[in-house]
PDB file of N, CA and C in Angstrom:
ATOM      1  N   VAL A   1     -29.518   3.793  19.360  1.00  0.00           N
ATOM      2  CA  VAL A   1     -28.698   2.648  19.005  1.00  0.00           C
ATOM      3  C   VAL A   1     -29.197   1.443  19.789  1.00  0.00           C
ATOM      4  N   PRO A   2     -29.554   0.370  19.115  1.00  0.00           N
ATOM      5  CA  PRO A   2     -29.979  -0.836  19.828  1.00  0.00           C
ATOM      6  C   PRO A   2     -28.844  -1.408  20.674  1.00  0.00           C
ATOM      7  N   GLN A   3     -29.167  -1.865  21.858  1.00  0.00           N
ATOM      8  CA  GLN A   3     -28.160  -2.431  22.757  1.00  0.00           C
ATOM      9  C   GLN A   3     -28.343  -3.934  22.818  1.00  0.00           C
ATOM     10  N   GLY A   4     -27.308  -4.665  22.447  1.00  0.00           N
ATOM     11  CA  GLY A   4     -27.340  -6.115  22.534  1.00  0.00           C
ATOM     12  C   GLY A   4     -27.061  -6.586  23.949  1.00  0.00           C
ATOM     13  N   ALA A   5     -27.023  -7.869  24.125  1.00  0.00           N
ATOM     14  CA  ALA A   5     -26.715  -8.448  25.431  1.00  0.00           C
ATOM     15  C   ALA A   5     -25.269  -8.147  25.803  1.00  0.00           C
ATOM     16  N   PRO A   6     -24.995  -7.837  27.070  1.00  0.00           N
ATOM     17  CA  PRO A   6     -23.620  -7.602  27.496  1.00  0.00           C
ATOM     18  C   PRO A   6     -22.767  -8.862  27.338  1.00  0.00           C
ATOM     19  N   THR A   7     -21.489  -8.651  27.120  1.00  0.00           N
ATOM     20  CA  THR A   7     -20.512  -9.731  27.113  1.00  0.00           C
ATOM     21  C   THR A   7     -20.045  -9.927  28.548  1.00  0.00           C
ATOM     22  N   ALA A   8     -20.104 -11.146  29.067  1.00  0.00           N
ATOM     23  CA  ALA A   8     -19.703 -11.433  30.451  1.00  0.00           C
ATOM     24  C   ALA A   8     -18.348 -12.131  30.458  1.00  0.00           C
ATOM     25  N   LYS A   9     -17.405 -11.584  31.235  1.00  0.00           N
ATOM     26  CA  LYS A   9     -16.072 -12.169  31.374  1.00  0.00           C
ATOM     27  C   LYS A   9     -15.827 -12.543  32.832  1.00  0.00           C
ATOM     28  N   THR A  10     -15.230 -13.716  33.047  1.00  0.00           N
ATOM     29  CA  THR A  10     -14.928 -14.180  34.410  1.00  0.00           C
ATOM     30  C   THR A  10     -13.444 -14.464  34.609  1.00  0.00           C
ATOM     31  N   VAL A  11     -12.649 -14.350  33.559  1.00  0.00           N
ATOM     32  CA  VAL A  11     -11.198 -14.537  33.648  1.00  0.00           C
ATOM     33  C   VAL A  11     -10.531 -13.543  32.707  1.00  0.00           C
ATOM     34  N   SER A  12      -9.223 -13.369  32.856  1.00  0.00           N
ATOM     35  CA  SER A  12      -8.479 -12.528  31.920  1.00  0.00           C
ATOM     36  C   SER A  12      -8.614 -13.117  30.527  1.00  0.00           C
ATOM     37  N   ALA A  13      -8.730 -12.247  29.529  1.00  0.00           N
ATOM     38  CA  ALA A  13      -8.946 -12.733  28.161  1.00  0.00           C
ATOM     39  C   ALA A  13      -8.610 -11.646  27.159  1.00  0.00           C
ATOM     40  N   THR A  14      -8.479 -12.054  25.908  1.00  0.00           N
ATOM     41  CA  THR A  14      -8.432 -11.100  24.808  1.00  0.00           C
ATOM     42  C   THR A  14      -9.851 -10.991  24.265  1.00  0.00           C
ATOM     43  N   LEU A  15     -10.373  -9.786  24.266  1.00  0.00           N
ATOM     44  CA  LEU A  15     -11.723  -9.546  23.788  1.00  0.00           C
ATOM     45  C   LEU A  15     -11.772  -9.681  22.266  1.00  0.00           C
ATOM     46  N   THR A  16     -12.896 -10.124  21.756  1.00  0.00           N
ATOM     47  CA  THR A  16     -13.077 -10.170  20.312  1.00  0.00           C
ATOM     48  C   THR A  16     -13.680  -8.850  19.849  1.00  0.00           C
ATOM     49  N   ALA A  17     -13.583  -8.597  18.567  1.00  0.00           N
ATOM     50  CA  ALA A  17     -14.185  -7.395  18.000  1.00  0.00           C
ATOM     51  C   ALA A  17     -15.693  -7.395  18.243  1.00  0.00           C
ATOM     52  N   ALA A  18     -16.345  -8.536  18.079  1.00  0.00           N
ATOM     53  CA  ALA A  18     -17.795  -8.630  18.292  1.00  0.00           C
ATOM     54  C   ALA A  18     -18.163  -8.283  19.736  1.00  0.00           C
ATOM     55  N   GLU A  19     -17.340  -8.723  20.695  1.00  0.00           N
ATOM     56  CA  GLU A  19     -17.626  -8.421  22.107  1.00  0.00           C
ATOM     57  C   GLU A  19     -17.520  -6.923  22.378  1.00  0.00           C
ATOM     58  N   VAL A  20     -16.525  -6.278  21.824  1.00  0.00           N
ATOM     59  CA  VAL A  20     -16.371  -4.833  22.017  1.00  0.00           C
ATOM     60  C   VAL A  20     -17.515  -4.084  21.323  1.00  0.00           C
ATOM     61  N   LEU A  21     -17.857  -4.506  20.123  1.00  0.00           N
ATOM     62  CA  LEU A  21     -18.922  -3.834  19.375  1.00  0.00           C
ATOM     63  C   LEU A  21     -20.295  -4.030  19.997  1.00  0.00           C
ATOM     64  N   ALA A  22     -20.461  -5.047  20.843  1.00  0.00           N
ATOM     65  CA  ALA A  22     -21.735  -5.236  21.547  1.00  0.00           C
ATOM     66  C   ALA A  22     -22.026  -4.066  22.481  1.00  0.00           C
ATOM     67  N   GLY A  23     -20.981  -3.353  22.936  1.00  0.00           N
ATOM     68  CA  GLY A  23     -21.170  -2.112  23.675  1.00  0.00           C
ATOM     69  C   GLY A  23     -21.014  -2.183  25.179  1.00  0.00           C
ATOM     70  N   ILE A  24     -21.278  -3.332  25.807  1.00  0.00           N
ATOM     71  CA  ILE A  24     -21.148  -3.461  27.263  1.00  0.00           C
ATOM     72  C   ILE A  24     -20.426  -4.762  27.577  1.00  0.00           C
ATOM     73  N   ILE A  25     -19.423  -4.669  28.432  1.00  0.00           N
ATOM     74  CA  ILE A  25     -18.683  -5.841  28.902  1.00  0.00           C
ATOM     75  C   ILE A  25     -18.767  -5.842  30.424  1.00  0.00           C
ATOM     76  N   THR A  26     -19.251  -6.939  30.997  1.00  0.00           N
ATOM     77  CA  THR A  26     -19.247  -7.062  32.454  1.00  0.00           C
ATOM     78  C   THR A  26     -18.116  -8.002  32.849  1.00  0.00           C
ATOM     79  N   ILE A  27     -17.518  -7.710  34.003  1.00  0.00           N
ATOM     80  CA  ILE A  27     -16.414  -8.527  34.508  1.00  0.00           C
ATOM     81  C   ILE A  27     -16.733  -8.929  35.943  1.00  0.00           C
ATOM     82  N   ASN A  28     -16.612 -10.210  36.214  1.00  0.00           N
ATOM     83  CA  ASN A  28     -16.771 -10.745  37.564  1.00  0.00           C
ATOM     84  C   ASN A  28     -15.709 -11.831  37.722  1.00  0.00           C
ATOM     85  N   GLN A  29     -14.493 -11.408  38.035  1.00  0.00           N
ATOM     86  CA  GLN A  29     -13.327 -12.285  38.020  1.00  0.00           C
ATOM     87  C   GLN A  29     -13.516 -13.528  38.879  1.00  0.00           C
ATOM     88  N   GLY A  30     -13.976 -13.362  40.095  1.00  0.00           N
ATOM     89  CA  GLY A  30     -14.278 -14.506  40.937  1.00  0.00           C
ATOM     90  C   GLY A  30     -13.096 -15.333  41.389  1.00  0.00           C
ATOM     91  N   ALA A  31     -11.883 -14.868  41.211  1.00  0.00           N
ATOM     92  CA  ALA A  31     -10.711 -15.655  41.597  1.00  0.00           C
ATOM     93  C   ALA A  31      -9.906 -14.986  42.700  1.00  0.00           C
ATOM     94  N   GLY A  32     -10.441 -13.915  43.267  1.00  0.00           N
ATOM     95  CA  GLY A  32      -9.722 -13.214  44.327  1.00  0.00           C
ATOM     96  C   GLY A  32      -8.473 -12.518  43.828  1.00  0.00           C
ATOM     97  N   ALA A  33      -8.454 -12.146  42.549  1.00  0.00           N
ATOM     98  CA  ALA A  33      -7.294 -11.488  41.959  1.00  0.00           C
ATOM     99  C   ALA A  33      -7.749 -10.543  40.853  1.00  0.00           C
ATOM    100  N   THR A  34      -6.848  -9.724  40.407  1.00  0.00           N
ATOM    101  CA  THR A  34      -7.168  -8.795  39.327  1.00  0.00           C
ATOM    102  C   THR A  34      -7.313  -9.545  38.003  1.00  0.00           C
ATOM    103  N   SER A  35      -7.948  -8.895  37.053  1.00  0.00           N
ATOM    104  CA  SER A  35      -8.047  -9.472  35.711  1.00  0.00           C
ATOM    105  C   SER A  35      -7.662  -8.417  34.691  1.00  0.00           C
ATOM    106  N   ALA A  36      -7.261  -8.883  33.520  1.00  0.00           N
ATOM    107  CA  ALA A  36      -6.912  -7.993  32.413  1.00  0.00           C
ATOM    108  C   ALA A  36      -7.682  -8.440  31.181  1.00  0.00           C
ATOM    109  N   GLN A  37      -8.334  -7.499  30.567  1.00  0.00           N
ATOM    110  CA  GLN A  37      -9.068  -7.754  29.331  1.00  0.00           C
ATOM    111  C   GLN A  37      -8.348  -6.996  28.222  1.00  0.00           C
ATOM    112  N   GLN A  38      -7.726  -7.733  27.311  1.00  0.00           N
ATOM    113  CA  GLN A  38      -6.989  -7.088  26.229  1.00  0.00           C
ATOM    114  C   GLN A  38      -7.914  -6.830  25.047  1.00  0.00           C
ATOM    115  N   LEU A  39      -7.803  -5.648  24.485  1.00  0.00           N
ATOM    116  CA  LEU A  39      -8.596  -5.315  23.317  1.00  0.00           C
ATOM    117  C   LEU A  39      -8.149  -6.135  22.113  1.00  0.00           C
ATOM    118  N   PRO A  40      -9.043  -6.363  21.158  1.00  0.00           N
ATOM    119  CA  PRO A  40      -8.612  -6.998  19.916  1.00  0.00           C
ATOM    120  C   PRO A  40      -7.733  -6.000  19.150  1.00  0.00           C
ATOM    121  N   THR A  41      -7.043  -6.440  18.139  1.00  0.00           N
ATOM    122  CA  THR A  41      -6.277  -5.464  17.353  1.00  0.00           C
ATOM    123  C   THR A  41      -7.247  -4.511  16.665  1.00  0.00           C
ATOM    124  N   ALA A  42      -6.783  -3.324  16.386  1.00  0.00           N
ATOM    125  CA  ALA A  42      -7.613  -2.353  15.684  1.00  0.00           C
ATOM    126  C   ALA A  42      -7.986  -2.872  14.296  1.00  0.00           C
ATOM    127  N   THR A  43      -7.102  -3.618  13.671  1.00  0.00           N
ATOM    128  CA  THR A  43      -7.396  -4.211  12.370  1.00  0.00           C
ATOM    129  C   THR A  43      -8.553  -5.197  12.466  1.00  0.00           C
ATOM    130  N   ASP A  44      -8.556  -6.043  13.510  1.00  0.00           N
ATOM    131  CA  ASP A  44      -9.664  -6.978  13.706  1.00  0.00           C
ATOM    132  C   ASP A  44     -10.985  -6.236  13.904  1.00  0.00           C
ATOM    133  N   LEU A  45     -10.953  -5.152  14.671  1.00  0.00           N
ATOM    134  CA  LEU A  45     -12.168  -4.374  14.896  1.00  0.00           C
ATOM    135  C   LEU A  45     -12.636  -3.734  13.597  1.00  0.00           C
ATOM    136  N   ASP A  46     -11.712  -3.169  12.854  1.00  0.00           N
ATOM    137  CA  ASP A  46     -12.051  -2.528  11.588  1.00  0.00           C
ATOM    138  C   ASP A  46     -12.699  -3.528  10.627  1.00  0.00           C
ATOM    139  N   THR A  47     -12.166  -4.735  10.579  1.00  0.00           N
ATOM    140  CA  THR A  47     -12.715  -5.786   9.716  1.00  0.00           C
ATOM    141  C   THR A  47     -14.138  -6.152  10.127  1.00  0.00           C
ATOM    142  N   ALA A  48     -14.412  -6.136  11.427  1.00  0.00           N
ATOM    143  CA  ALA A  48     -15.730  -6.538  11.934  1.00  0.00           C
ATOM    144  C   ALA A  48     -16.800  -5.468  11.760  1.00  0.00           C
ATOM    145  N   MET A  49     -16.397  -4.248  11.498  1.00  0.00           N
ATOM    146  CA  MET A  49     -17.363  -3.155  11.377  1.00  0.00           C
ATOM    147  C   MET A  49     -17.937  -3.098   9.971  1.00  0.00           C
ATOM    148  N   ALA A  50     -19.179  -2.623   9.884  1.00  0.00           N
ATOM    149  CA  ALA A  50     -19.842  -2.503   8.586  1.00  0.00           C
ATOM    150  C   ALA A  50     -19.134  -1.482   7.691  1.00  0.00           C
ATOM    151  N   SER A  51     -18.649  -0.415   8.275  1.00  0.00           N
ATOM    152  CA  SER A  51     -17.878   0.577   7.524  1.00  0.00           C
ATOM    153  C   SER A  51     -16.572   0.818   8.272  1.00  0.00           C
ATOM    154  N   ALA A  52     -15.492   0.953   7.539  1.00  0.00           N
ATOM    155  CA  ALA A  52     -14.168   1.089   8.142  1.00  0.00           C
ATOM    156  C   ALA A  52     -14.032   2.401   8.901  1.00  0.00           C
ATOM    157  N   LEU A  53     -13.288   2.342   9.989  1.00  0.00           N
ATOM    158  CA  LEU A  53     -12.955   3.550  10.725  1.00  0.00           C
ATOM    159  C   LEU A  53     -11.827   4.278  10.006  1.00  0.00           C
ATOM    160  N   ALA A  54     -11.849   5.591  10.084  1.00  0.00           N
ATOM    161  CA  ALA A  54     -10.775   6.408   9.526  1.00  0.00           C
ATOM    162  C   ALA A  54      -9.939   6.965  10.670  1.00  0.00           C
ATOM    163  N   VAL A  55      -8.757   7.429  10.360  1.00  0.00           N
ATOM    164  CA  VAL A  55      -7.901   8.055  11.366  1.00  0.00           C
ATOM    165  C   VAL A  55      -8.694   9.174  12.033  1.00  0.00           C
ATOM    166  N   GLY A  56      -8.684   9.188  13.354  1.00  0.00           N
ATOM    167  CA  GLY A  56      -9.400  10.203  14.115  1.00  0.00           C
ATOM    168  C   GLY A  56     -10.814   9.808  14.501  1.00  0.00           C
ATOM    169  N   ASP A  57     -11.349   8.703  13.974  1.00  0.00           N
ATOM    170  CA  ASP A  57     -12.679   8.235  14.368  1.00  0.00           C
ATOM    171  C   ASP A  57     -12.629   7.642  15.768  1.00  0.00           C
ATOM    172  N   ALA A  58     -13.761   7.585  16.420  1.00  0.00           N
ATOM    173  CA  ALA A  58     -13.857   7.010  17.760  1.00  0.00           C
ATOM    174  C   ALA A  58     -15.212   6.323  17.916  1.00  0.00           C
ATOM    175  N   PHE A  59     -15.309   5.470  18.915  1.00  0.00           N
ATOM    176  CA  PHE A  59     -16.583   4.878  19.292  1.00  0.00           C
ATOM    177  C   PHE A  59     -16.502   4.591  20.781  1.00  0.00           C
ATOM    178  N   ASP A  60     -17.631   4.366  21.402  1.00  0.00           N
ATOM    179  CA  ASP A  60     -17.690   4.139  22.844  1.00  0.00           C
ATOM    180  C   ASP A  60     -18.159   2.728  23.152  1.00  0.00           C
ATOM    181  N   PHE A  61     -17.656   2.208  24.263  1.00  0.00           N
ATOM    182  CA  PHE A  61     -18.178   0.979  24.852  1.00  0.00           C
ATOM    183  C   PHE A  61     -17.974   1.112  26.352  1.00  0.00           C
ATOM    184  N   SER A  62     -18.692   0.328  27.123  1.00  0.00           N
ATOM    185  CA  SER A  62     -18.617   0.416  28.584  1.00  0.00           C
ATOM    186  C   SER A  62     -18.164  -0.904  29.178  1.00  0.00           C
ATOM    187  N   VAL A  63     -17.391  -0.793  30.258  1.00  0.00           N
ATOM    188  CA  VAL A  63     -16.930  -1.957  31.007  1.00  0.00           C
ATOM    189  C   VAL A  63     -17.417  -1.784  32.441  1.00  0.00           C
ATOM    190  N   ILE A  64     -18.097  -2.804  32.972  1.00  0.00           N
ATOM    191  CA  ILE A  64     -18.655  -2.747  34.318  1.00  0.00           C
ATOM    192  C   ILE A  64     -18.115  -3.925  35.114  1.00  0.00           C
ATOM    193  N   ASN A  65     -17.439  -3.622  36.208  1.00  0.00           N
ATOM    194  CA  ASN A  65     -16.919  -4.667  37.090  1.00  0.00           C
ATOM    195  C   ASN A  65     -17.984  -4.952  38.140  1.00  0.00           C
ATOM    196  N   ILE A  66     -18.602  -6.125  38.065  1.00  0.00           N
ATOM    197  CA  ILE A  66     -19.694  -6.451  38.986  1.00  0.00           C
ATOM    198  C   ILE A  66     -19.220  -7.243  40.213  1.00  0.00           C
ATOM    199  N   SER A  67     -17.922  -7.515  40.301  1.00  0.00           N
ATOM    200  CA  SER A  67     -17.394  -8.211  41.474  1.00  0.00           C
ATOM    201  C   SER A  67     -17.558  -7.343  42.714  1.00  0.00           C
ATOM    202  N   THR A  68     -17.844  -7.957  43.843  1.00  0.00           N
ATOM    203  CA  THR A  68     -17.934  -7.236  45.115  1.00  0.00           C
ATOM    204  C   THR A  68     -16.732  -7.521  46.014  1.00  0.00           C
ATOM    205  N   VAL A  69     -15.681  -8.117  45.443  1.00  0.00           N
ATOM    206  CA  VAL A  69     -14.465  -8.468  46.190  1.00  0.00           C
ATOM    207  C   VAL A  69     -13.386  -7.426  45.897  1.00  0.00           C
ATOM    208  N   ALA A  70     -12.832  -6.804  46.945  1.00  0.00           N
ATOM    209  CA  ALA A  70     -11.867  -5.720  46.779  1.00  0.00           C
ATOM    210  C   ALA A  70     -10.664  -6.107  45.925  1.00  0.00           C
ATOM    211  N   ALA A  71     -10.231  -7.343  45.968  1.00  0.00           N
ATOM    212  CA  ALA A  71      -9.034  -7.769  45.235  1.00  0.00           C
ATOM    213  C   ALA A  71      -9.296  -8.018  43.753  1.00  0.00           C
ATOM    214  N   GLU A  72     -10.523  -7.867  43.293  1.00  0.00           N
ATOM    215  CA  GLU A  72     -10.872  -8.244  41.929  1.00  0.00           C
ATOM    216  C   GLU A  72     -11.064  -7.052  40.989  1.00  0.00           C
ATOM    217  N   ASP A  73     -10.136  -6.097  41.051  1.00  0.00           N
ATOM    218  CA  ASP A  73     -10.149  -5.000  40.100  1.00  0.00           C
ATOM    219  C   ASP A  73      -9.846  -5.554  38.707  1.00  0.00           C
ATOM    220  N   ALA A  74     -10.257  -4.844  37.691  1.00  0.00           N
ATOM    221  CA  ALA A  74     -10.029  -5.267  36.309  1.00  0.00           C
ATOM    222  C   ALA A  74      -9.349  -4.134  35.548  1.00  0.00           C
ATOM    223  N   SER A  75      -8.662  -4.487  34.493  1.00  0.00           N
ATOM    224  CA  SER A  75      -8.061  -3.460  33.644  1.00  0.00           C
ATOM    225  C   SER A  75      -8.271  -3.831  32.176  1.00  0.00           C
ATOM    226  N   ILE A  76      -8.314  -2.799  31.365  1.00  0.00           N
ATOM    227  CA  ILE A  76      -8.360  -2.957  29.912  1.00  0.00           C
ATOM    228  C   ILE A  76      -6.944  -2.694  29.421  1.00  0.00           C
ATOM    229  N   THR A  77      -6.416  -3.632  28.649  1.00  0.00           N
ATOM    230  CA  THR A  77      -5.074  -3.458  28.108  1.00  0.00           C
ATOM    231  C   THR A  77      -5.156  -3.260  26.601  1.00  0.00           C
ATOM    232  N   THR A  78      -4.176  -2.584  26.075  1.00  0.00           N
ATOM    233  CA  THR A  78      -4.205  -2.204  24.669  1.00  0.00           C
ATOM    234  C   THR A  78      -3.723  -3.324  23.759  1.00  0.00           C
ATOM    235  N   ASN A  79      -3.868  -3.101  22.492  1.00  0.00           N
ATOM    236  CA  ASN A  79      -3.371  -4.004  21.464  1.00  0.00           C
ATOM    237  C   ASN A  79      -2.982  -3.127  20.281  1.00  0.00           C
ATOM    238  N   ALA A  80      -2.461  -3.689  19.233  1.00  0.00           N
ATOM    239  CA  ALA A  80      -1.948  -2.925  18.097  1.00  0.00           C
ATOM    240  C   ALA A  80      -3.013  -2.021  17.483  1.00  0.00           C
ATOM    241  N   GLY A  81      -2.663  -0.759  17.318  1.00  0.00           N
ATOM    242  CA  GLY A  81      -3.506   0.182  16.597  1.00  0.00           C
ATOM    243  C   GLY A  81      -4.464   1.013  17.414  1.00  0.00           C
ATOM    244  N   TRP A  82      -4.441   0.895  18.726  1.00  0.00           N
ATOM    245  CA  TRP A  82      -5.388   1.614  19.585  1.00  0.00           C
ATOM    246  C   TRP A  82      -4.763   2.848  20.218  1.00  0.00           C
ATOM    247  N   THR A  83      -5.607   3.849  20.469  1.00  0.00           N
ATOM    248  CA  THR A  83      -5.288   4.960  21.352  1.00  0.00           C
ATOM    249  C   THR A  83      -6.363   4.948  22.427  1.00  0.00           C
ATOM    250  N   LEU A  84      -5.960   4.757  23.669  1.00  0.00           N
ATOM    251  CA  LEU A  84      -6.922   4.650  24.761  1.00  0.00           C
ATOM    252  C   LEU A  84      -7.129   5.998  25.425  1.00  0.00           C
ATOM    253  N   GLY A  85      -8.350   6.256  25.870  1.00  0.00           N
ATOM    254  CA  GLY A  85      -8.656   7.488  26.579  1.00  0.00           C
ATOM    255  C   GLY A  85      -9.445   7.177  27.829  1.00  0.00           C
ATOM    256  N   GLY A  86      -9.141   7.834  28.921  1.00  0.00           N
ATOM    257  CA  GLY A  86      -9.846   7.594  30.174  1.00  0.00           C
ATOM    258  C   GLY A  86      -9.136   6.557  31.017  1.00  0.00           C
ATOM    259  N   SER A  87      -9.743   6.205  32.127  1.00  0.00           N
ATOM    260  CA  SER A  87      -9.166   5.224  33.036  1.00  0.00           C
ATOM    261  C   SER A  87      -9.334   3.826  32.479  1.00  0.00           C
ATOM    262  N   MET A  88      -8.282   3.060  32.510  1.00  0.00           N
ATOM    263  CA  MET A  88      -8.343   1.675  32.029  1.00  0.00           C
ATOM    264  C   MET A  88      -8.386   0.687  33.192  1.00  0.00           C
ATOM    265  N   VAL A  89      -8.512   1.193  34.423  1.00  0.00           N
ATOM    266  CA  VAL A  89      -8.654   0.342  35.604  1.00  0.00           C
ATOM    267  C   VAL A  89     -10.080   0.504  36.105  1.00  0.00           C
ATOM    268  N   ILE A  90     -10.761  -0.633  36.249  1.00  0.00           N
ATOM    269  CA  ILE A  90     -12.133  -0.624  36.724  1.00  0.00           C
ATOM    270  C   ILE A  90     -12.153  -1.341  38.066  1.00  0.00           C
ATOM    271  N   GLU A  91     -12.349  -0.566  39.108  1.00  0.00           N
ATOM    272  CA  GLU A  91     -12.328  -1.133  40.447  1.00  0.00           C
ATOM    273  C   GLU A  91     -13.525  -2.049  40.665  1.00  0.00           C
ATOM    274  N   SER A  92     -13.347  -3.003  41.566  1.00  0.00           N
ATOM    275  CA  SER A  92     -14.474  -3.867  41.919  1.00  0.00           C
ATOM    276  C   SER A  92     -15.543  -3.034  42.615  1.00  0.00           C
ATOM    277  N   ASN A  93     -16.713  -3.586  42.699  1.00  0.00           N
ATOM    278  CA  ASN A  93     -17.856  -2.892  43.287  1.00  0.00           C
ATOM    279  C   ASN A  93     -17.999  -3.234  44.771  1.00  0.00           C
ATOM    280  N   ASP A  94     -16.869  -3.180  45.485  1.00  0.00           N
ATOM    281  CA  ASP A  94     -16.934  -3.472  46.915  1.00  0.00           C
ATOM    282  C   ASP A  94     -17.253  -2.198  47.686  1.00  0.00           C
ATOM    283  N   SER A  95     -17.464  -2.316  48.968  1.00  0.00           N
ATOM    284  CA  SER A  95     -18.003  -1.212  49.769  1.00  0.00           C
ATOM    285  C   SER A  95     -17.089  -0.008  49.902  1.00  0.00           C
ATOM    286  N   ASP A  96     -15.779  -0.127  49.683  1.00  0.00           N
ATOM    287  CA  ASP A  96     -14.902   1.036  49.866  1.00  0.00           C
ATOM    288  C   ASP A  96     -14.419   1.637  48.554  1.00  0.00           C
ATOM    289  N   ARG A  97     -15.040   1.303  47.447  1.00  0.00           N
ATOM    290  CA  ARG A  97     -14.599   1.807  46.139  1.00  0.00           C
ATOM    291  C   ARG A  97     -15.551   2.876  45.620  1.00  0.00           C
ATOM    292  N   ALA A  98     -14.993   3.793  44.868  1.00  0.00           N
ATOM    293  CA  ALA A  98     -15.778   4.904  44.348  1.00  0.00           C
ATOM    294  C   ALA A  98     -16.423   4.615  43.012  1.00  0.00           C
ATOM    295  N   ARG A  99     -15.838   3.711  42.209  1.00  0.00           N
ATOM    296  CA  ARG A  99     -16.404   3.449  40.897  1.00  0.00           C
ATOM    297  C   ARG A  99     -16.232   1.980  40.518  1.00  0.00           C
ATOM    298  N   SER A 100     -17.134   1.492  39.696  1.00  0.00           N
ATOM    299  CA  SER A 100     -17.006   0.112  39.232  1.00  0.00           C
ATOM    300  C   SER A 100     -17.267  -0.011  37.739  1.00  0.00           C
ATOM    301  N   SER A 101     -17.275   1.132  37.050  1.00  0.00           N
ATOM    302  CA  SER A 101     -17.422   1.072  35.600  1.00  0.00           C
ATOM    303  C   SER A 101     -16.591   2.183  34.990  1.00  0.00           C
ATOM    304  N   ALA A 102     -16.272   2.020  33.722  1.00  0.00           N
ATOM    305  CA  ALA A 102     -15.500   3.022  33.007  1.00  0.00           C
ATOM    306  C   ALA A 102     -15.858   2.974  31.539  1.00  0.00           C
ATOM    307  N   PRO A 103     -16.010   4.150  30.929  1.00  0.00           N
ATOM    308  CA  PRO A 103     -16.263   4.148  29.489  1.00  0.00           C
ATOM    309  C   PRO A 103     -14.966   3.898  28.750  1.00  0.00           C
ATOM    310  N   GLY A 104     -15.031   3.278  27.643  1.00  0.00           N
ATOM    311  CA  GLY A 104     -13.867   3.096  26.785  1.00  0.00           C
ATOM    312  C   GLY A 104     -14.118   3.832  25.485  1.00  0.00           C
ATOM    313  N   SER A 105     -13.090   4.213  24.816  1.00  0.00           N
ATOM    314  CA  SER A 105     -13.257   4.830  23.494  1.00  0.00           C
ATOM    315  C   SER A 105     -11.989   4.698  22.715  1.00  0.00           C
TER     316      SER A 105
END
């Protein structure tokens, strides 16, 4: 699968379907606080895809928190039509953290 350029986020935002479909989202909040990235609605994502998803279908994307500040953890928040799996909190990449990325699906 070809990998496009990552989507870079520096503030809390609602992600677009195109940003999620790009496959990689980097977060560097830079404000000394947590951030929240809300998914687009499942309907918006379905519209943006070449072929519609059916009930039970899944896809993967990755979120990487590149901040090195402990207070700048990020989270993925849901929107209409989603079922989230895995951790939705992505810790900053500071020296006392165990992880700074999380797969989404």
